[in-house]
Amino acid sequence: MARPRLPQQQIRRKAVQTTLSAEDYHAIVHAAQASHTTLATWLRQFVFQRTMQPSP
């Protein structure tokens, strides 16, 4: 059975919300290095926080 498809606009909006800017990425890299945690752990936390924020 085919999965229901999201309207294209919804997909695009979701993609924009979860895209990391270069500044965000560098901030995460430096924070991860400073706290000696893995980059993957930091990225997971960051993306989770970003996706949990309500849409404007």
PDB file of N, CA and C in Angstrom:
ATOM      1  N   MET A   1       0.846  -1.201   0.000  1.00  0.00           N
ATOM      2  CA  MET A   1       0.000   0.000   0.000  1.00  0.00           C
ATOM      3  C   MET A   1       0.880   1.249   0.000  1.00  0.00           C
ATOM      4  N   ALA A   2       0.583   2.166  -0.863  1.00  0.00           N
ATOM      5  CA  ALA A   2       1.408   3.376  -0.982  1.00  0.00           C
ATOM      6  C   ALA A   2       1.203   4.288   0.225  1.00  0.00           C
ATOM      7  N   ARG A   3       2.297   4.897   0.645  1.00  0.00           N
ATOM      8  CA  ARG A   3       2.194   5.825   1.771  1.00  0.00           C
ATOM      9  C   ARG A   3       1.573   7.132   1.295  1.00  0.00           C
ATOM     10  N   PRO A   4       0.795   7.787   2.159  1.00  0.00           N
ATOM     11  CA  PRO A   4       0.243   9.092   1.762  1.00  0.00           C
ATOM     12  C   PRO A   4       1.374  10.094   1.570  1.00  0.00           C
ATOM     13  N   ARG A   5       1.248  10.928   0.581  1.00  0.00           N
ATOM     14  CA  ARG A   5       2.303  11.888   0.277  1.00  0.00           C
ATOM     15  C   ARG A   5       1.997  13.241   0.908  1.00  0.00           C
ATOM     16  N   LEU A   6       3.032  13.859   1.427  1.00  0.00           N
ATOM     17  CA  LEU A   6       2.866  15.218   1.936  1.00  0.00           C
ATOM     18  C   LEU A   6       2.822  16.188   0.764  1.00  0.00           C
ATOM     19  N   PRO A   7       2.029  17.231   0.907  1.00  0.00           N
ATOM     20  CA  PRO A   7       2.082  18.271  -0.130  1.00  0.00           C
ATOM     21  C   PRO A   7       3.513  18.806  -0.250  1.00  0.00           C
ATOM     22  N   GLN A   8       3.902  19.172  -1.456  1.00  0.00           N
ATOM     23  CA  GLN A   8       5.272  19.615  -1.712  1.00  0.00           C
ATOM     24  C   GLN A   8       5.674  20.779  -0.816  1.00  0.00           C
ATOM     25  N   GLN A   9       4.728  21.672  -0.546  1.00  0.00           N
ATOM     26  CA  GLN A   9       5.020  22.847   0.273  1.00  0.00           C
ATOM     27  C   GLN A   9       5.424  22.436   1.696  1.00  0.00           C
ATOM     28  N   GLN A  10       4.738  21.459   2.263  1.00  0.00           N
ATOM     29  CA  GLN A  10       5.060  20.983   3.599  1.00  0.00           C
ATOM     30  C   GLN A  10       6.463  20.395   3.652  1.00  0.00           C
ATOM     31  N   ILE A  11       6.815  19.627   2.635  1.00  0.00           N
ATOM     32  CA  ILE A  11       8.140  19.018   2.584  1.00  0.00           C
ATOM     33  C   ILE A  11       9.200  20.111   2.551  1.00  0.00           C
ATOM     34  N   ARG A  12       8.982  21.116   1.731  1.00  0.00           N
ATOM     35  CA  ARG A  12       9.956  22.188   1.593  1.00  0.00           C
ATOM     36  C   ARG A  12      10.119  22.940   2.912  1.00  0.00           C
ATOM     37  N   ARG A  13       8.997  23.224   3.578  1.00  0.00           N
ATOM     38  CA  ARG A  13       9.043  23.956   4.835  1.00  0.00           C
ATOM     39  C   ARG A  13       9.833  23.155   5.879  1.00  0.00           C
ATOM     40  N   LYS A  14       9.588  21.853   5.932  1.00  0.00           N
ATOM     41  CA  LYS A  14      10.288  20.995   6.880  1.00  0.00           C
ATOM     42  C   LYS A  14      11.791  20.999   6.606  1.00  0.00           C
ATOM     43  N   ALA A  15      12.152  20.951   5.342  1.00  0.00           N
ATOM     44  CA  ALA A  15      13.568  20.940   4.966  1.00  0.00           C
ATOM     45  C   ALA A  15      14.256  22.229   5.396  1.00  0.00           C
ATOM     46  N   VAL A  16      13.584  23.341   5.218  1.00  0.00           N
ATOM     47  CA  VAL A  16      14.168  24.635   5.601  1.00  0.00           C
ATOM     48  C   VAL A  16      14.384  24.692   7.106  1.00  0.00           C
ATOM     49  N   GLN A  17      13.431  24.200   7.869  1.00  0.00           N
ATOM     50  CA  GLN A  17      13.531  24.247   9.330  1.00  0.00           C
ATOM     51  C   GLN A  17      14.705  23.433   9.856  1.00  0.00           C
ATOM     52  N   THR A  18      15.054  22.352   9.185  1.00  0.00           N
ATOM     53  CA  THR A  18      16.083  21.468   9.718  1.00  0.00           C
ATOM     54  C   THR A  18      17.447  21.673   9.050  1.00  0.00           C
ATOM     55  N   THR A  19      17.564  22.689   8.206  1.00  0.00           N
ATOM     56  CA  THR A  19      18.839  22.954   7.544  1.00  0.00           C
ATOM     57  C   THR A  19      19.763  23.719   8.484  1.00  0.00           C
ATOM     58  N   LEU A  20      20.988  23.253   8.603  1.00  0.00           N
ATOM     59  CA  LEU A  20      21.975  23.943   9.434  1.00  0.00           C
ATOM     60  C   LEU A  20      22.658  25.032   8.623  1.00  0.00           C
ATOM     61  N   SER A  21      22.769  26.209   9.220  1.00  0.00           N
ATOM     62  CA  SER A  21      23.568  27.243   8.575  1.00  0.00           C
ATOM     63  C   SER A  21      25.035  26.981   8.902  1.00  0.00           C
ATOM     64  N   ALA A  22      25.914  27.608   8.165  1.00  0.00           N
ATOM     65  CA  ALA A  22      27.349  27.434   8.411  1.00  0.00           C
ATOM     66  C   ALA A  22      27.713  27.894   9.821  1.00  0.00           C
ATOM     67  N   GLU A  23      27.101  28.987  10.275  1.00  0.00           N
ATOM     68  CA  GLU A  23      27.386  29.505  11.615  1.00  0.00           C
ATOM     69  C   GLU A  23      26.967  28.494  12.683  1.00  0.00           C
ATOM     70  N   ASP A  24      25.779  27.930  12.518  1.00  0.00           N
ATOM     71  CA  ASP A  24      25.294  26.921  13.464  1.00  0.00           C
ATOM     72  C   ASP A  24      26.254  25.736  13.511  1.00  0.00           C
ATOM     73  N   TYR A  25      26.669  25.303  12.330  1.00  0.00           N
ATOM     74  CA  TYR A  25      27.541  24.139  12.254  1.00  0.00           C
ATOM     75  C   TYR A  25      28.866  24.395  12.971  1.00  0.00           C
ATOM     76  N   HIS A  26      29.466  25.541  12.709  1.00  0.00           N
ATOM     77  CA  HIS A  26      30.752  25.851  13.346  1.00  0.00           C
ATOM     78  C   HIS A  26      30.596  26.006  14.854  1.00  0.00           C
ATOM     79  N   ALA A  27      29.479  26.605  15.283  1.00  0.00           N
ATOM     80  CA  ALA A  27      29.230  26.738  16.715  1.00  0.00           C
ATOM     81  C   ALA A  27      29.125  25.367  17.367  1.00  0.00           C
ATOM     82  N   ILE A  28      28.455  24.445  16.696  1.00  0.00           N
ATOM     83  CA  ILE A  28      28.307  23.084  17.220  1.00  0.00           C
ATOM     84  C   ILE A  28      29.663  22.384  17.278  1.00  0.00           C
ATOM     85  N   VAL A  29      30.458  22.530  16.229  1.00  0.00           N
ATOM     86  CA  VAL A  29      31.780  21.894  16.194  1.00  0.00           C
ATOM     87  C   VAL A  29      32.638  22.386  17.356  1.00  0.00           C
ATOM     88  N   HIS A  30      32.656  23.711  17.561  1.00  0.00           N
ATOM     89  CA  HIS A  30      33.479  24.262  18.636  1.00  0.00           C
ATOM     90  C   HIS A  30      32.969  23.835  20.005  1.00  0.00           C
ATOM     91  N   ALA A  31      31.657  23.841  20.179  1.00  0.00           N
ATOM     92  CA  ALA A  31      31.075  23.437  21.458  1.00  0.00           C
ATOM     93  C   ALA A  31      31.373  21.967  21.748  1.00  0.00           C
ATOM     94  N   ALA A  32      31.278  21.146  20.719  1.00  0.00           N
ATOM     95  CA  ALA A  32      31.549  19.718  20.888  1.00  0.00           C
ATOM     96  C   ALA A  32      33.013  19.483  21.253  1.00  0.00           C
ATOM     97  N   GLN A  33      33.912  20.216  20.597  1.00  0.00           N
ATOM     98  CA  GLN A  33      35.335  20.072  20.904  1.00  0.00           C
ATOM     99  C   GLN A  33      35.627  20.549  22.324  1.00  0.00           C
ATOM    100  N   ALA A  34      34.984  21.637  22.721  1.00  0.00           N
ATOM    101  CA  ALA A  34      35.223  22.206  24.049  1.00  0.00           C
ATOM    102  C   ALA A  34      34.741  21.268  25.154  1.00  0.00           C
ATOM    103  N   SER A  35      33.634  20.580  24.909  1.00  0.00           N
ATOM    104  CA  SER A  35      33.068  19.716  25.946  1.00  0.00           C
ATOM    105  C   SER A  35      33.479  18.253  25.775  1.00  0.00           C
ATOM    106  N   HIS A  36      34.320  17.972  24.772  1.00  0.00           N
ATOM    107  CA  HIS A  36      34.841  16.618  24.540  1.00  0.00           C
ATOM    108  C   HIS A  36      33.739  15.582  24.310  1.00  0.00           C
ATOM    109  N   THR A  37      32.641  16.007  23.705  1.00  0.00           N
ATOM    110  CA  THR A  37      31.616  15.042  23.306  1.00  0.00           C
ATOM    111  C   THR A  37      31.720  14.855  21.799  1.00  0.00           C
ATOM    112  N   THR A  38      31.098  13.819  21.301  1.00  0.00           N
ATOM    113  CA  THR A  38      31.180  13.572  19.868  1.00  0.00           C
ATOM    114  C   THR A  38      30.300  14.556  19.111  1.00  0.00           C
ATOM    115  N   LEU A  39      30.720  14.860  17.905  1.00  0.00           N
ATOM    116  CA  LEU A  39      29.958  15.771  17.060  1.00  0.00           C
ATOM    117  C   LEU A  39      28.559  15.213  16.788  1.00  0.00           C
ATOM    118  N   ALA A  40      28.478  13.898  16.628  1.00  0.00           N
ATOM    119  CA  ALA A  40      27.176  13.279  16.348  1.00  0.00           C
ATOM    120  C   ALA A  40      26.180  13.546  17.475  1.00  0.00           C
ATOM    121  N   THR A  41      26.671  13.447  18.716  1.00  0.00           N
ATOM    122  CA  THR A  41      25.794  13.697  19.868  1.00  0.00           C
ATOM    123  C   THR A  41      25.287  15.130  19.845  1.00  0.00           C
ATOM    124  N   TRP A  42      26.180  16.060  19.585  1.00  0.00           N
ATOM    125  CA  TRP A  42      25.800  17.466  19.525  1.00  0.00           C
ATOM    126  C   TRP A  42      24.816  17.730  18.412  1.00  0.00           C
ATOM    127  N   LEU A  43      25.074  17.151  17.245  1.00  0.00           N
ATOM    128  CA  LEU A  43      24.174  17.361  16.111  1.00  0.00           C
ATOM    129  C   LEU A  43      22.783  16.819  16.412  1.00  0.00           C
ATOM    130  N   ARG A  44      22.724  15.635  17.025  1.00  0.00           N
ATOM    131  CA  ARG A  44      21.419  15.064  17.382  1.00  0.00           C
ATOM    132  C   ARG A  44      20.652  16.008  18.312  1.00  0.00           C
ATOM    133  N   GLN A  45      21.335  16.506  19.339  1.00  0.00           N
ATOM    134  CA  GLN A  45      20.678  17.417  20.280  1.00  0.00           C
ATOM    135  C   GLN A  45      20.220  18.693  19.577  1.00  0.00           C
ATOM    136  N   PHE A  46      21.090  19.240  18.739  1.00  0.00           N
ATOM    137  CA  PHE A  46      20.770  20.492  18.062  1.00  0.00           C
ATOM    138  C   PHE A  46      19.585  20.338  17.126  1.00  0.00           C
ATOM    139  N   VAL A  47      19.629  19.284  16.313  1.00  0.00           N
ATOM    140  CA  VAL A  47      18.548  19.063  15.350  1.00  0.00           C
ATOM    141  C   VAL A  47      17.239  18.768  16.083  1.00  0.00           C
ATOM    142  N   PHE A  48      17.323  18.029  17.178  1.00  0.00           N
ATOM    143  CA  PHE A  48      16.124  17.741  17.966  1.00  0.00           C
ATOM    144  C   PHE A  48      15.505  19.032  18.481  1.00  0.00           C
ATOM    145  N   GLN A  49      16.334  19.907  19.048  1.00  0.00           N
ATOM    146  CA  GLN A  49      15.833  21.190  19.555  1.00  0.00           C
ATOM    147  C   GLN A  49      15.243  22.019  18.422  1.00  0.00           C
ATOM    148  N   ARG A  50      15.928  22.030  17.285  1.00  0.00           N
ATOM    149  CA  ARG A  50      15.470  22.818  16.144  1.00  0.00           C
ATOM    150  C   ARG A  50      14.123  22.316  15.628  1.00  0.00           C
ATOM    151  N   THR A  51      13.964  20.996  15.566  1.00  0.00           N
ATOM    152  CA  THR A  51      12.725  20.448  15.014  1.00  0.00           C
ATOM    153  C   THR A  51      11.576  20.502  16.019  1.00  0.00           C
ATOM    154  N   MET A  52      11.896  20.629  17.310  1.00  0.00           N
ATOM    155  CA  MET A  52      10.833  20.697  18.307  1.00  0.00           C
ATOM    156  C   MET A  52      10.240  22.096  18.431  1.00  0.00           C
ATOM    157  N   GLN A  53      10.924  23.101  17.894  1.00  0.00           N
ATOM    158  CA  GLN A  53      10.400  24.458  17.967  1.00  0.00           C
ATOM    159  C   GLN A  53       9.167  24.582  17.081  1.00  0.00           C
ATOM    160  N   PRO A  54       8.135  25.272  17.583  1.00  0.00           N
ATOM    161  CA  PRO A  54       6.928  25.444  16.771  1.00  0.00           C
ATOM    162  C   PRO A  54       7.214  26.286  15.532  1.00  0.00           C
ATOM    163  N   SER A  55       6.496  26.020  14.472  1.00  0.00           N
ATOM    164  CA  SER A  55       6.670  26.788  13.241  1.00  0.00           C
ATOM    165  C   SER A  55       6.181  28.215  13.445  1.00  0.00           C
ATOM    166  N   PRO A  56       6.858  29.187  12.860  1.00  0.00           N
ATOM    167  CA  PRO A  56       6.417  30.585  12.972  1.00  0.00           C
ATOM    168  C   PRO A  56       5.102  30.819  12.242  1.00  0.00           C
TER     169      PRO A  56
END
